[in-house]
Amino acid sequence: MTSLDVQTLPDAEQELAELLRAQPELGPVADRVYTVFPAKAGPEPLLLVHRFGGTPKVGRPLVLDEALIQIDVYGGSKGDVARLGSLVRALLAERAEQAVLGPYRVVPDDSFAPPRNRALIDVTYYLRPASPSAAAAARISSSSRRPPSPTTSSSSAGDPPTQLLPDTREEH
């Protein structure tokens, strides 16, 4: 295996943040989805997506990542935060097939003075490696040959094939 054949797992935080940014139901909050808490957050609603754990389900090769993600929902009153958090959960449930929702809670964030209202959404996000690059895919397809049919056998080069099994393959 060469270094060009190595597959890496996608960035779970980035993928989930991009998915949330693409949701029109989030309105202006879609422009305030972060993977790092912004230095000047202000009082406006925002979503913070961060990975806090998880492991590949199979270590070698990397074929499935089980990322543990927390989404922090900030902004406004406790009710506003709870409504926005519920909307985010509903969007994930409907549009993120690879997401499994975990606990949801509304708790103050005491790291601010005064404490800010915050909803926490835990998500287990499953990801597979990115597909091989186009060049690698072309290299793989050009080097592959169609295997001999398992339905026929020939005893010598000039003899007609003998039918072993019914041919049920579809031509592509």
Protein backbone atom coordinates (compact mmCIF):
# COMPACT_ATOMS: atom_id res chain seq x y z
CA MET A 1 0.00 0.00 0.00
CA THR A 2 1.39 3.41 -0.96
CA SER A 3 0.73 6.68 0.80
CA LEU A 4 -1.71 7.54 -2.02
CA ASP A 5 -3.85 4.56 -1.03
CA VAL A 6 -4.28 5.63 2.61
CA GLN A 7 -7.82 6.62 3.48
CA THR A 8 -8.51 9.06 6.27
CA LEU A 9 -11.72 9.69 8.15
CA PRO A 10 -13.53 12.98 7.53
CA ASP A 11 -13.62 15.74 10.15
CA ALA A 12 -16.85 15.00 12.01
CA GLU A 13 -17.12 18.49 13.53
CA GLN A 14 -16.73 20.17 10.16
CA GLU A 15 -19.19 17.87 8.39
CA LEU A 16 -21.88 18.33 11.04
CA ALA A 17 -21.31 22.12 11.14
CA GLU A 18 -21.66 22.29 7.34
CA LEU A 19 -24.84 20.23 7.48
CA LEU A 20 -26.34 22.65 10.04
CA ARG A 21 -25.24 25.72 8.04
CA ALA A 22 -27.17 24.36 5.05
CA GLN A 23 -30.52 24.24 6.89
CA PRO A 24 -32.77 27.14 5.82
CA GLU A 25 -34.99 26.65 8.88
CA LEU A 26 -32.17 27.97 11.07
CA GLY A 27 -32.40 31.37 9.35
CA PRO A 28 -29.65 33.78 10.42
CA VAL A 29 -28.33 31.29 12.99
CA ALA A 30 -27.05 29.19 10.06
CA ASP A 31 -24.34 31.83 9.60
CA ARG A 32 -23.36 31.47 13.27
CA VAL A 33 -22.42 27.77 13.43
CA TYR A 34 -18.89 27.36 14.78
CA THR A 35 -16.44 24.61 15.70
CA VAL A 36 -14.47 26.97 17.97
CA PHE A 37 -16.16 29.47 20.29
CA PRO A 38 -15.85 32.91 18.66
CA ALA A 39 -13.85 35.53 20.55
CA LYS A 40 -16.65 38.09 20.19
CA ALA A 41 -19.79 35.98 20.47
CA GLY A 42 -22.22 38.68 21.54
CA PRO A 43 -25.76 37.92 22.73
CA GLU A 44 -27.04 36.64 19.34
CA PRO A 45 -27.92 32.95 19.03
CA LEU A 46 -25.13 30.64 17.92
CA LEU A 47 -24.33 26.94 17.64
CA LEU A 48 -21.02 25.46 18.74
CA VAL A 49 -20.23 21.99 17.35
CA HIS A 50 -17.38 20.14 19.01
CA ARG A 51 -16.14 16.59 19.18
CA PHE A 52 -15.43 15.34 22.67
CA GLY A 53 -14.67 11.69 21.96
CA GLY A 54 -15.34 8.59 19.94
CA THR A 55 -13.27 5.96 18.22
CA PRO A 56 -13.13 4.19 14.91
CA LYS A 57 -15.41 1.14 15.05
CA VAL A 58 -12.79 -0.84 13.15
CA GLY A 59 -9.17 0.19 13.68
CA ARG A 60 -7.49 -1.22 10.57
CA PRO A 61 -8.40 -0.16 8.00
CA LEU A 62 -10.32 2.93 9.12
CA VAL A 63 -13.77 2.15 7.78
CA LEU A 64 -16.21 3.67 10.28
CA ASP A 65 -15.79 6.50 12.78
CA GLU A 66 -18.13 6.81 15.75
CA ALA A 67 -17.67 10.48 16.68
CA LEU A 68 -19.18 11.76 19.92
CA ILE A 69 -20.28 15.33 19.26
CA GLN A 70 -21.80 17.97 21.52
CA ILE A 71 -23.73 20.89 20.09
CA ASP A 72 -24.02 23.90 22.41
CA VAL A 73 -26.92 26.21 21.63
CA TYR A 74 -26.57 29.78 22.96
CA GLY A 75 -28.64 32.93 22.71
CA GLY A 76 -31.49 34.70 24.41
CA SER A 77 -33.79 33.48 27.13
CA LYS A 78 -34.00 29.95 28.44
CA GLY A 79 -37.14 29.46 26.33
CA ASP A 80 -35.43 30.80 23.18
CA VAL A 81 -32.47 28.47 23.70
CA ALA A 82 -34.79 25.50 24.33
CA ARG A 83 -36.80 26.22 21.14
CA LEU A 84 -33.67 26.58 19.02
CA GLY A 85 -32.21 23.41 20.56
CA SER A 86 -35.42 21.51 19.77
CA LEU A 87 -35.31 22.74 16.18
CA VAL A 88 -31.68 21.60 15.80
CA ARG A 89 -32.58 18.16 17.18
CA ALA A 90 -35.55 17.87 14.81
CA LEU A 91 -33.39 18.85 11.82
CA LEU A 92 -30.75 16.28 12.75
CA ALA A 93 -33.39 13.59 13.24
CA GLU A 94 -34.91 14.31 9.82
CA ARG A 95 -31.86 15.11 7.71
CA ALA A 96 -28.77 13.47 9.18
CA GLU A 97 -29.12 9.73 8.60
CA GLN A 98 -25.73 9.06 10.15
CA ALA A 99 -26.59 10.90 13.41
CA VAL A 100 -27.97 9.21 16.50
CA LEU A 101 -29.36 11.68 19.01
CA GLY A 102 -28.39 11.38 22.65
CA PRO A 103 -29.32 13.41 25.74
CA TYR A 104 -30.71 16.92 25.43
CA ARG A 105 -30.66 19.36 28.31
CA VAL A 106 -30.97 23.08 28.96
CA VAL A 107 -28.43 24.25 31.55
CA PRO A 108 -26.74 27.57 32.27
CA ASP A 109 -23.12 28.02 31.19
CA ASP A 110 -21.41 29.20 34.38
CA SER A 111 -18.17 30.08 32.57
CA PHE A 112 -19.78 33.46 31.78
CA ALA A 113 -20.63 36.21 34.26
CA PRO A 114 -23.58 36.31 34.46
CA PRO A 115 -24.23 32.71 33.32
CA ARG A 116 -25.60 32.35 29.76
CA ASN A 117 -28.52 30.13 28.84
CA ARG A 118 -27.41 27.09 26.89
CA ALA A 119 -28.91 23.90 25.49
CA LEU A 120 -26.66 20.85 25.07
CA ILE A 121 -27.31 18.23 22.41
CA ASP A 122 -25.26 15.04 22.37
CA VAL A 123 -24.94 13.30 19.01
CA THR A 124 -23.16 10.15 17.92
CA TYR A 125 -22.15 10.81 14.34
CA TYR A 126 -21.05 7.93 12.11
CA LEU A 127 -18.68 8.63 9.24
CA ARG A 128 -16.93 6.55 6.61
CA PRO A 129 -13.65 7.48 4.93
CA ALA A 130 -13.76 9.97 2.12
CA SER A 131 -13.94 8.28 -1.25
CA PRO A 132 -10.63 7.89 -3.08
CA SER A 133 -9.56 10.83 -5.20
CA ALA A 134 -10.57 10.86 -8.85
CA ALA A 135 -7.00 10.07 -9.90
CA ALA A 136 -6.83 7.10 -7.54
CA ALA A 137 -10.25 5.91 -8.72
CA ALA A 138 -9.13 6.17 -12.36
CA ARG A 139 -5.95 4.27 -11.54
CA ILE A 140 -7.94 1.53 -9.83
CA SER A 141 -10.48 1.21 -12.66
CA SER A 142 -7.87 1.20 -15.43
CA SER A 143 -5.84 -1.50 -13.73
CA SER A 144 -8.81 -3.75 -13.01
CA ARG A 145 -9.83 -6.43 -15.45
CA ARG A 146 -13.13 -8.23 -15.57
CA PRO A 147 -12.60 -11.58 -13.86
CA PRO A 148 -13.32 -14.72 -15.81
CA SER A 149 -16.91 -15.82 -15.54
CA PRO A 150 -17.51 -18.35 -12.77
CA THR A 151 -20.18 -19.88 -14.96
CA THR A 152 -17.91 -21.36 -17.64
CA SER A 153 -14.85 -23.56 -17.88
CA SER A 154 -12.62 -24.51 -20.78
CA SER A 155 -10.30 -27.50 -20.80
CA SER A 156 -8.03 -26.09 -23.53
CA ALA A 157 -7.71 -22.87 -25.48
CA GLY A 158 -9.53 -24.19 -28.56
CA ASP A 159 -12.39 -26.04 -26.85
CA PRO A 160 -15.78 -24.37 -26.43
CA PRO A 161 -16.65 -23.45 -22.82
CA THR A 162 -18.63 -25.91 -20.75
CA GLN A 163 -21.58 -24.47 -18.79
CA LEU A 164 -21.09 -24.99 -15.00
CA LEU A 165 -23.70 -22.67 -13.48
CA PRO A 166 -26.49 -20.61 -14.95
CA ASP A 167 -25.22 -17.13 -15.78
CA THR A 168 -27.26 -14.70 -13.67
CA ARG A 169 -24.93 -11.68 -13.91
CA GLU A 170 -26.25 -8.49 -15.41
CA GLU A 171 -24.12 -6.70 -17.97
CA HIS A 172 -23.15 -3.15 -17.01
